[in-house]
């Protein structure tokens, strides 16, 4: 099921983006109409969840959480390389939510308005809903290397041109974890 979520996300990104070679700033609601976003959210939340690759550890399940700390499934993921996704708008700016990748128990790597940073891994209490996912076809070691790659992007700026997914000079949140 994780594979379906990842594939659906990638298809959405590929179908609804066009490479643009400009530096103009586009805002989330200009690129992602709220009605489409809501349809995708509903589809994602209907997906079933599965155990993570490291299901023998206390931190290793793909999970959906609410701010009231009510676990819908599993435990909060803190394994390096797990991708965290929330439908909560990041500081009310982008209506599509936010994404980050777990770097360690206490930190995530994410791209925010000031660029790629290391933030707190506390989404289980700071977000209304949070989903932890990983790519079905990757190993735990590959997931860890993806987190290391994201770590190396720290300090790069925020990509306000949501149509330019090919740039590696700056990133928006889901572009960072996808790249």
N, C-alpha and C. Protein backbone atom coordinates (compact mmCIF):
# COMPACT_ATOMS: atom_id res chain seq x y z
N UNK A 1 0.82 -1.18 0.00
CA UNK A 1 0.00 0.00 0.00
C UNK A 1 0.87 1.26 0.00
N UNK A 2 2.03 1.19 0.69
CA UNK A 2 2.94 2.33 0.68
C UNK A 2 3.36 2.62 -0.75
N UNK A 3 3.56 1.54 -1.50
CA UNK A 3 3.97 1.72 -2.87
C UNK A 3 2.91 2.49 -3.65
N UNK A 4 1.64 2.19 -3.40
CA UNK A 4 0.56 2.92 -4.06
C UNK A 4 0.60 4.40 -3.71
N UNK A 5 0.84 4.70 -2.43
CA UNK A 5 0.91 6.09 -1.98
C UNK A 5 2.06 6.80 -2.68
N UNK A 6 3.22 6.17 -2.71
CA UNK A 6 4.39 6.78 -3.33
C UNK A 6 4.14 6.96 -4.82
N UNK A 7 3.60 5.94 -5.47
CA UNK A 7 3.32 6.02 -6.90
C UNK A 7 2.28 7.11 -7.17
N UNK A 8 1.22 7.17 -6.36
CA UNK A 8 0.20 8.20 -6.55
C UNK A 8 0.80 9.59 -6.40
N UNK A 9 1.68 9.75 -5.41
CA UNK A 9 2.33 11.05 -5.20
C UNK A 9 3.21 11.41 -6.39
N UNK A 10 4.00 10.45 -6.85
CA UNK A 10 4.87 10.72 -8.00
C UNK A 10 4.06 11.01 -9.26
N UNK A 11 3.00 10.27 -9.48
CA UNK A 11 2.14 10.53 -10.64
C UNK A 11 1.56 11.93 -10.55
N UNK A 12 1.08 12.30 -9.36
CA UNK A 12 0.55 13.65 -9.17
C UNK A 12 1.59 14.69 -9.52
N UNK A 13 2.81 14.50 -9.03
CA UNK A 13 3.88 15.46 -9.29
C UNK A 13 4.18 15.53 -10.78
N UNK A 14 4.30 14.36 -11.41
CA UNK A 14 4.65 14.34 -12.82
C UNK A 14 3.53 14.85 -13.73
N UNK A 15 2.28 14.52 -13.41
CA UNK A 15 1.17 14.94 -14.26
C UNK A 15 0.82 16.41 -14.10
N UNK A 16 1.00 16.93 -12.92
CA UNK A 16 0.56 18.30 -12.67
C UNK A 16 1.68 19.32 -12.60
N UNK A 17 2.86 18.94 -13.09
CA UNK A 17 3.94 19.91 -13.14
C UNK A 17 4.53 19.94 -14.54
N UNK A 18 5.06 21.07 -14.87
CA UNK A 18 5.75 21.28 -16.14
C UNK A 18 7.03 22.01 -15.78
N UNK A 19 8.12 21.59 -16.37
CA UNK A 19 9.38 22.25 -16.06
C UNK A 19 9.34 23.68 -16.57
N UNK A 20 9.68 24.60 -15.72
CA UNK A 20 9.73 26.02 -16.07
C UNK A 20 11.14 26.52 -15.83
N UNK A 21 11.61 27.37 -16.68
CA UNK A 21 12.98 27.86 -16.57
C UNK A 21 13.00 29.33 -16.17
N UNK A 22 12.23 29.69 -15.20
CA UNK A 22 12.19 31.06 -14.74
C UNK A 22 12.45 31.10 -13.25
N UNK A 23 12.64 32.28 -12.74
CA UNK A 23 12.85 32.44 -11.31
C UNK A 23 11.64 33.06 -10.63
N UNK A 24 10.51 33.14 -11.32
CA UNK A 24 9.33 33.75 -10.72
C UNK A 24 8.84 32.92 -9.54
N UNK A 25 8.29 33.62 -8.58
CA UNK A 25 7.76 32.94 -7.41
C UNK A 25 6.30 32.58 -7.65
N UNK A 26 5.97 31.33 -7.44
CA UNK A 26 4.60 30.87 -7.53
C UNK A 26 4.17 30.42 -6.15
N UNK A 27 2.94 30.62 -5.82
CA UNK A 27 2.44 30.24 -4.52
C UNK A 27 1.60 28.99 -4.64
N UNK A 28 1.55 28.22 -3.53
CA UNK A 28 0.89 26.92 -3.53
C UNK A 28 -0.50 26.92 -4.13
N UNK A 29 -1.32 27.89 -3.79
CA UNK A 29 -2.69 27.88 -4.29
C UNK A 29 -2.76 28.21 -5.77
N UNK A 30 -1.69 28.76 -6.35
CA UNK A 30 -1.66 29.03 -7.79
C UNK A 30 -1.33 27.76 -8.57
N UNK A 31 -0.58 26.88 -7.98
CA UNK A 31 -0.14 25.66 -8.66
C UNK A 31 -1.04 24.48 -8.31
N UNK A 32 -1.49 24.40 -7.08
CA UNK A 32 -2.26 23.27 -6.59
C UNK A 32 -3.66 23.74 -6.16
N UNK A 33 -4.65 23.66 -7.04
CA UNK A 33 -6.00 24.07 -6.65
C UNK A 33 -6.50 23.26 -5.45
N UNK A 34 -7.14 23.94 -4.51
CA UNK A 34 -7.58 23.32 -3.26
C UNK A 34 -8.48 22.11 -3.51
N UNK A 35 -9.33 22.16 -4.53
CA UNK A 35 -10.23 21.03 -4.79
C UNK A 35 -9.45 19.78 -5.17
N UNK A 36 -8.40 19.92 -5.98
CA UNK A 36 -7.57 18.78 -6.35
C UNK A 36 -6.82 18.25 -5.14
N UNK A 37 -6.31 19.15 -4.33
CA UNK A 37 -5.58 18.76 -3.13
C UNK A 37 -6.49 17.96 -2.21
N UNK A 38 -7.70 18.42 -2.02
CA UNK A 38 -8.63 17.73 -1.12
C UNK A 38 -8.97 16.34 -1.66
N UNK A 39 -9.15 16.20 -2.97
CA UNK A 39 -9.42 14.90 -3.57
C UNK A 39 -8.26 13.93 -3.32
N UNK A 40 -7.06 14.42 -3.47
CA UNK A 40 -5.87 13.58 -3.24
C UNK A 40 -5.75 13.20 -1.77
N UNK A 41 -6.01 14.16 -0.88
CA UNK A 41 -5.97 13.86 0.56
C UNK A 41 -6.93 12.73 0.90
N UNK A 42 -8.16 12.82 0.39
CA UNK A 42 -9.15 11.79 0.67
C UNK A 42 -8.69 10.43 0.17
N UNK A 43 -8.11 10.41 -1.02
CA UNK A 43 -7.63 9.15 -1.59
C UNK A 43 -6.50 8.56 -0.75
N UNK A 44 -5.58 9.40 -0.30
CA UNK A 44 -4.45 8.94 0.51
C UNK A 44 -4.93 8.37 1.84
N UNK A 45 -5.85 9.05 2.51
CA UNK A 45 -6.31 8.60 3.82
C UNK A 45 -7.14 7.32 3.74
N UNK A 46 -7.59 6.94 2.55
CA UNK A 46 -8.32 5.69 2.40
C UNK A 46 -7.36 4.50 2.25
N UNK A 47 -6.10 4.77 1.95
CA UNK A 47 -5.12 3.71 1.75
C UNK A 47 -4.85 2.98 3.06
N UNK A 48 -4.66 1.70 2.96
CA UNK A 48 -4.31 0.95 4.17
C UNK A 48 -2.82 1.08 4.43
N UNK A 49 -2.41 0.83 5.66
CA UNK A 49 -1.01 0.95 6.02
C UNK A 49 -0.42 -0.43 6.26
N UNK A 50 0.90 -0.50 6.16
CA UNK A 50 1.60 -1.76 6.35
C UNK A 50 2.78 -1.54 7.29
N UNK A 51 3.29 -2.62 7.83
CA UNK A 51 4.45 -2.53 8.71
C UNK A 51 5.66 -2.06 7.92
N UNK A 52 6.52 -1.34 8.62
CA UNK A 52 7.73 -0.82 8.03
C UNK A 52 8.74 -1.95 7.84
N UNK A 53 9.82 -1.64 7.15
CA UNK A 53 10.86 -2.62 6.86
C UNK A 53 11.53 -3.16 8.11
N UNK A 54 11.55 -2.35 9.16
CA UNK A 54 12.19 -2.73 10.42
C UNK A 54 11.12 -2.88 11.48
N UNK A 55 10.18 -3.78 11.28
CA UNK A 55 9.01 -3.85 12.16
C UNK A 55 9.31 -4.42 13.55
N UNK A 56 10.55 -4.83 13.79
CA UNK A 56 10.87 -5.38 15.11
C UNK A 56 11.35 -4.30 16.09
N UNK A 57 11.43 -3.05 15.64
CA UNK A 57 11.87 -1.99 16.54
C UNK A 57 10.67 -1.14 16.96
N UNK A 58 10.78 -0.52 18.08
CA UNK A 58 9.67 0.28 18.62
C UNK A 58 9.34 1.47 17.74
N UNK A 59 10.23 1.86 16.85
CA UNK A 59 10.00 3.05 16.04
C UNK A 59 9.63 2.72 14.61
N UNK A 60 9.40 1.48 14.28
CA UNK A 60 9.35 1.15 12.87
C UNK A 60 8.05 0.74 12.25
N UNK A 61 7.05 1.58 12.22
CA UNK A 61 5.85 1.28 11.45
C UNK A 61 5.39 2.53 10.72
N UNK A 62 4.86 2.33 9.54
CA UNK A 62 4.25 3.44 8.83
C UNK A 62 2.97 3.77 9.58
N UNK A 63 2.79 5.04 9.89
CA UNK A 63 1.76 5.38 10.85
C UNK A 63 1.03 6.66 10.51
N UNK A 64 -0.18 6.75 11.02
CA UNK A 64 -0.99 7.96 10.92
C UNK A 64 -1.31 8.40 12.34
N UNK A 65 -1.05 9.65 12.65
CA UNK A 65 -1.23 10.16 14.00
C UNK A 65 -2.09 11.40 13.99
N UNK A 66 -2.65 11.71 15.12
CA UNK A 66 -3.37 12.96 15.29
C UNK A 66 -2.72 13.75 16.41
N UNK A 67 -3.01 15.02 16.48
CA UNK A 67 -2.41 15.88 17.50
C UNK A 67 -2.82 15.47 18.90
N UNK A 68 -3.91 14.75 19.03
CA UNK A 68 -4.34 14.29 20.36
C UNK A 68 -3.57 13.05 20.79
N UNK A 69 -2.54 12.71 20.04
CA UNK A 69 -1.69 11.55 20.33
C UNK A 69 -2.46 10.23 20.25
N UNK A 70 -3.54 10.24 19.53
CA UNK A 70 -4.28 9.00 19.32
C UNK A 70 -3.64 8.29 18.13
N UNK A 71 -3.09 7.16 18.34
CA UNK A 71 -2.46 6.42 17.27
C UNK A 71 -3.54 5.73 16.46
N UNK A 72 -3.56 5.99 15.17
CA UNK A 72 -4.49 5.28 14.32
C UNK A 72 -3.91 3.92 13.97
N UNK A 73 -2.62 3.89 13.65
CA UNK A 73 -1.94 2.64 13.31
C UNK A 73 -0.49 2.76 13.76
N UNK A 74 0.03 1.74 14.40
CA UNK A 74 1.46 1.65 14.66
C UNK A 74 2.03 2.67 15.61
N UNK A 75 3.34 2.87 15.49
CA UNK A 75 4.09 3.79 16.33
C UNK A 75 4.69 4.89 15.49
N UNK A 76 5.00 6.00 16.12
CA UNK A 76 5.58 7.15 15.41
C UNK A 76 6.95 6.76 14.85
N UNK A 77 7.15 6.96 13.54
CA UNK A 77 8.40 6.52 12.92
C UNK A 77 9.56 7.48 13.19
N UNK A 78 10.65 6.95 13.70
CA UNK A 78 11.85 7.75 13.90
C UNK A 78 13.05 7.13 13.19
N UNK A 79 12.80 6.12 12.37
CA UNK A 79 13.90 5.48 11.62
C UNK A 79 14.41 6.43 10.54
N UNK A 80 15.72 6.53 10.44
CA UNK A 80 16.36 7.40 9.46
C UNK A 80 15.88 7.03 8.05
N UNK A 81 15.42 8.03 7.32
CA UNK A 81 14.99 7.82 5.95
C UNK A 81 13.49 7.69 5.76
N UNK A 82 12.72 7.62 6.84
CA UNK A 82 11.27 7.59 6.72
C UNK A 82 10.81 8.99 6.33
N UNK A 83 9.91 9.07 5.38
CA UNK A 83 9.37 10.34 4.92
C UNK A 83 8.12 10.66 5.72
N UNK A 84 8.07 11.85 6.29
CA UNK A 84 6.90 12.30 7.04
C UNK A 84 6.10 13.26 6.16
N UNK A 85 4.80 13.07 6.15
CA UNK A 85 3.91 13.91 5.36
C UNK A 85 2.74 14.33 6.24
N UNK A 86 2.36 15.60 6.14
CA UNK A 86 1.19 16.09 6.86
C UNK A 86 0.34 16.93 5.92
N UNK A 87 -0.94 16.92 6.16
CA UNK A 87 -1.83 17.79 5.38
C UNK A 87 -1.95 19.16 6.03
N UNK A 88 -1.36 19.35 7.21
CA UNK A 88 -1.36 20.65 7.86
C UNK A 88 -0.59 21.64 6.98
N UNK A 89 -1.17 22.77 6.64
CA UNK A 89 -0.40 23.77 5.87
C UNK A 89 0.78 24.26 6.70
N UNK A 90 1.95 24.34 6.09
CA UNK A 90 3.12 24.80 6.82
C UNK A 90 2.95 26.29 7.11
N UNK A 91 2.78 26.61 8.38
CA UNK A 91 2.58 27.98 8.86
C UNK A 91 1.52 28.71 8.05
N UNK A 92 0.53 27.97 7.54
CA UNK A 92 -0.58 28.58 6.82
C UNK A 92 -0.22 29.05 5.42
N UNK A 93 0.98 28.71 4.92
CA UNK A 93 1.44 29.22 3.63
C UNK A 93 1.02 28.37 2.45
N UNK A 94 1.23 27.09 2.56
CA UNK A 94 1.04 26.21 1.41
C UNK A 94 -0.10 25.24 1.72
N UNK A 95 -1.20 25.31 0.95
CA UNK A 95 -2.38 24.53 1.29
C UNK A 95 -2.23 23.02 1.08
N UNK A 96 -1.12 22.59 0.50
CA UNK A 96 -0.95 21.17 0.24
C UNK A 96 -0.30 20.43 1.39
N UNK A 97 0.11 21.12 2.43
CA UNK A 97 0.73 20.44 3.56
C UNK A 97 2.23 20.59 3.55
N UNK A 98 2.91 19.61 4.14
CA UNK A 98 4.35 19.70 4.33
C UNK A 98 4.94 18.30 4.34
N UNK A 99 6.23 18.19 3.99
CA UNK A 99 6.93 16.91 3.99
C UNK A 99 8.34 17.11 4.53
N UNK A 100 8.89 16.06 5.13
CA UNK A 100 10.26 16.08 5.63
C UNK A 100 10.75 14.64 5.65
N UNK A 101 12.04 14.47 5.90
CA UNK A 101 12.61 13.12 6.00
C UNK A 101 13.28 13.01 7.37
N UNK A 102 13.07 11.88 8.02
CA UNK A 102 13.65 11.65 9.34
C UNK A 102 15.17 11.49 9.19
N UNK A 103 15.92 12.26 10.00
CA UNK A 103 17.37 12.13 10.01
C UNK A 103 17.82 11.29 11.20
N UNK A 104 17.21 11.53 12.35
CA UNK A 104 17.47 10.71 13.53
C UNK A 104 16.28 10.85 14.47
N UNK A 105 16.36 10.24 15.65
CA UNK A 105 15.22 10.26 16.57
C UNK A 105 14.73 11.67 16.87
N UNK A 106 15.63 12.63 16.92
CA UNK A 106 15.25 13.97 17.33
C UNK A 106 15.12 14.99 16.21
N UNK A 107 15.50 14.63 14.97
CA UNK A 107 15.56 15.64 13.92
C UNK A 107 15.03 15.13 12.57
N UNK A 108 14.49 16.07 11.81
CA UNK A 108 14.11 15.84 10.42
C UNK A 108 14.85 16.85 9.56
N UNK A 109 14.99 16.55 8.29
CA UNK A 109 15.50 17.51 7.32
C UNK A 109 14.29 17.95 6.51
N UNK A 110 14.09 19.26 6.41
CA UNK A 110 12.93 19.79 5.72
C UNK A 110 13.29 21.08 5.01
N UNK A 111 12.48 21.46 4.05
CA UNK A 111 12.67 22.73 3.38
C UNK A 111 11.52 23.65 3.76
N UNK A 112 11.86 24.77 4.33
CA UNK A 112 10.89 25.77 4.77
C UNK A 112 11.22 27.08 4.04
N UNK A 113 10.48 28.13 4.30
CA UNK A 113 10.65 29.38 3.56
C UNK A 113 12.09 29.89 3.56
N UNK A 114 12.84 29.64 4.64
CA UNK A 114 14.23 30.11 4.66
C UNK A 114 15.20 29.10 4.06
N UNK A 115 14.71 27.96 3.58
CA UNK A 115 15.56 26.99 2.91
C UNK A 115 15.59 25.64 3.62
N UNK A 116 16.56 24.82 3.25
CA UNK A 116 16.68 23.46 3.79
C UNK A 116 17.35 23.55 5.17
N UNK A 117 16.66 23.00 6.16
CA UNK A 117 17.13 23.09 7.54
C UNK A 117 16.94 21.74 8.25
N UNK A 118 17.54 21.64 9.43
CA UNK A 118 17.27 20.52 10.32
C UNK A 118 16.25 21.01 11.34
N UNK A 119 15.12 20.31 11.42
CA UNK A 119 14.06 20.70 12.34
C UNK A 119 13.81 19.59 13.35
N UNK A 120 12.96 19.86 14.32
CA UNK A 120 12.66 18.85 15.34
C UNK A 120 11.79 17.71 14.80
N UNK A 121 12.09 16.51 15.22
CA UNK A 121 11.27 15.36 14.84
C UNK A 121 10.20 15.17 15.91
N UNK A 122 9.23 16.07 15.87
CA UNK A 122 8.14 16.03 16.85
C UNK A 122 6.77 16.13 16.18
N UNK A 123 6.67 15.66 14.96
CA UNK A 123 5.44 15.81 14.20
C UNK A 123 4.27 15.08 14.85
N UNK A 124 4.56 14.09 15.67
CA UNK A 124 3.49 13.36 16.34
C UNK A 124 2.76 14.24 17.36
N UNK A 125 3.36 15.33 17.78
CA UNK A 125 2.67 16.25 18.70
C UNK A 125 2.46 17.64 18.10
N UNK A 126 3.21 17.98 17.05
CA UNK A 126 3.09 19.33 16.49
C UNK A 126 2.15 19.40 15.29
N UNK A 127 1.73 18.28 14.76
CA UNK A 127 0.85 18.25 13.59
C UNK A 127 -0.49 17.62 13.95
N UNK A 128 -1.54 18.06 13.27
CA UNK A 128 -2.86 17.46 13.50
C UNK A 128 -2.87 16.02 13.01
N UNK A 129 -2.29 15.79 11.83
CA UNK A 129 -2.16 14.44 11.28
C UNK A 129 -0.78 14.31 10.67
N UNK A 130 -0.24 13.11 10.76
CA UNK A 130 1.09 12.85 10.22
C UNK A 130 1.12 11.43 9.68
N UNK A 131 1.70 11.27 8.51
CA UNK A 131 1.87 9.94 7.93
C UNK A 131 3.36 9.71 7.71
N UNK A 132 3.85 8.56 8.11
CA UNK A 132 5.23 8.18 7.84
C UNK A 132 5.23 7.14 6.73
N UNK A 133 6.01 7.37 5.68
CA UNK A 133 6.06 6.44 4.55
C UNK A 133 7.51 6.19 4.15
N UNK A 134 7.72 5.08 3.46
CA UNK A 134 8.99 4.83 2.81
C UNK A 134 8.69 4.12 1.50
N UNK A 135 9.67 4.08 0.64
CA UNK A 135 9.49 3.47 -0.67
C UNK A 135 9.62 1.96 -0.53
N UNK A 136 8.64 1.24 -1.03
CA UNK A 136 8.59 -0.22 -0.87
C UNK A 136 9.82 -0.90 -1.48
N UNK A 137 10.30 -0.41 -2.58
CA UNK A 137 11.40 -1.05 -3.29
C UNK A 137 12.79 -0.72 -2.78
N UNK A 138 12.90 0.03 -1.69
CA UNK A 138 14.22 0.39 -1.17
C UNK A 138 14.51 -0.37 0.12
N UNK A 139 15.79 -0.47 0.42
CA UNK A 139 16.21 -1.10 1.67
C UNK A 139 16.32 -0.05 2.76
N UNK A 140 16.48 -0.49 3.99
CA UNK A 140 16.69 0.44 5.11
C UNK A 140 17.96 1.25 4.87
N UNK A 141 19.00 0.62 4.34
CA UNK A 141 20.26 1.32 4.05
C UNK A 141 20.06 2.39 2.98
N UNK A 142 19.27 2.10 1.96
CA UNK A 142 18.99 3.09 0.92
C UNK A 142 18.18 4.26 1.48
N UNK A 143 17.22 3.96 2.34
CA UNK A 143 16.44 5.02 2.99
C UNK A 143 17.37 5.93 3.80
N UNK A 144 18.31 5.34 4.50
CA UNK A 144 19.27 6.09 5.31
C UNK A 144 20.14 6.98 4.42
N UNK A 145 20.56 6.45 3.27
CA UNK A 145 21.37 7.24 2.34
C UNK A 145 20.57 8.41 1.77
N UNK A 146 19.28 8.22 1.57
CA UNK A 146 18.42 9.31 1.09
C UNK A 146 18.39 10.43 2.13
N UNK A 147 18.30 10.06 3.41
CA UNK A 147 18.32 11.07 4.48
C UNK A 147 19.66 11.78 4.52
N UNK A 148 20.75 11.03 4.33
CA UNK A 148 22.08 11.65 4.30
C UNK A 148 22.19 12.64 3.14
N UNK A 149 21.63 12.28 1.97
CA UNK A 149 21.66 13.18 0.82
C UNK A 149 20.89 14.47 1.14
N UNK A 150 19.73 14.33 1.76
CA UNK A 150 18.95 15.51 2.14
C UNK A 150 19.72 16.38 3.13
N UNK A 151 20.42 15.74 4.05
CA UNK A 151 21.25 16.47 5.03
C UNK A 151 22.29 17.33 4.31
N UNK A 152 22.88 16.80 3.26
CA UNK A 152 23.90 17.53 2.51
C UNK A 152 23.33 18.73 1.76
N UNK A 153 22.00 18.80 1.63
CA UNK A 153 21.37 19.93 0.95
C UNK A 153 21.10 21.10 1.90
N UNK A 154 21.38 20.90 3.19
CA UNK A 154 21.11 21.95 4.17
C UNK A 154 21.84 23.23 3.78
N UNK A 155 21.14 24.35 3.97
CA UNK A 155 21.69 25.65 3.62
C UNK A 155 21.26 26.14 2.26
N UNK A 156 20.75 25.23 1.41
CA UNK A 156 20.24 25.66 0.11
C UNK A 156 18.90 26.35 0.31
N UNK A 157 18.54 27.23 -0.62
CA UNK A 157 17.35 28.04 -0.50
C UNK A 157 16.06 27.27 -0.78
N UNK A 158 14.94 27.98 -0.58
CA UNK A 158 13.61 27.42 -0.85
C UNK A 158 13.26 27.66 -2.31
N UNK A 159 12.75 26.63 -2.98
CA UNK A 159 12.35 26.73 -4.38
C UNK A 159 10.90 27.19 -4.46
N UNK A 160 10.70 28.47 -4.71
CA UNK A 160 9.35 29.00 -4.83
C UNK A 160 8.74 28.70 -6.19
N UNK A 161 9.54 28.23 -7.13
CA UNK A 161 9.02 27.88 -8.46
C UNK A 161 8.65 26.40 -8.45
N UNK A 162 7.42 26.12 -8.03
CA UNK A 162 6.96 24.74 -7.87
C UNK A 162 6.92 23.97 -9.17
N UNK A 163 7.00 24.66 -10.28
CA UNK A 163 6.98 23.97 -11.57
C UNK A 163 8.36 23.49 -11.98
N UNK A 164 9.40 23.95 -11.32
CA UNK A 164 10.77 23.55 -11.66
C UNK A 164 11.26 22.50 -10.67
N UNK A 165 10.86 21.26 -10.92
CA UNK A 165 11.26 20.17 -10.02
C UNK A 165 12.67 19.67 -10.32
N UNK A 166 13.24 20.07 -11.45
CA UNK A 166 14.55 19.53 -11.82
C UNK A 166 15.72 20.27 -11.18
N UNK A 167 15.50 21.45 -10.63
CA UNK A 167 16.61 22.17 -10.01
C UNK A 167 17.08 21.46 -8.75
N UNK A 168 18.39 21.52 -8.53
CA UNK A 168 18.97 20.99 -7.30
C UNK A 168 19.69 22.10 -6.54
N UNK A 169 19.46 23.35 -6.98
CA UNK A 169 20.07 24.50 -6.31
C UNK A 169 19.24 24.93 -5.11
N UNK A 170 17.95 24.62 -5.12
CA UNK A 170 17.05 24.94 -4.01
C UNK A 170 15.88 23.98 -4.09
N UNK A 171 15.13 23.87 -2.97
CA UNK A 171 14.09 22.84 -2.88
C UNK A 171 12.85 23.35 -2.16
N UNK A 172 11.67 22.86 -2.58
CA UNK A 172 10.50 22.97 -1.72
C UNK A 172 10.38 21.63 -1.00
N UNK A 173 9.52 21.53 0.00
CA UNK A 173 9.57 20.41 0.93
C UNK A 173 9.43 19.04 0.27
N UNK A 174 8.40 18.85 -0.54
CA UNK A 174 8.21 17.51 -1.13
C UNK A 174 9.23 17.25 -2.23
N UNK A 175 9.73 18.30 -2.86
CA UNK A 175 10.78 18.13 -3.87
C UNK A 175 12.05 17.58 -3.21
N UNK A 176 12.35 18.07 -2.02
CA UNK A 176 13.55 17.61 -1.31
C UNK A 176 13.49 16.12 -1.02
N UNK A 177 12.39 15.64 -0.49
CA UNK A 177 12.31 14.22 -0.13
C UNK A 177 12.12 13.34 -1.36
N UNK A 178 11.64 13.91 -2.46
CA UNK A 178 11.45 13.18 -3.71
C UNK A 178 12.75 13.07 -4.49
N UNK A 179 13.56 14.14 -4.45
CA UNK A 179 14.78 14.22 -5.26
C UNK A 179 15.74 13.10 -4.93
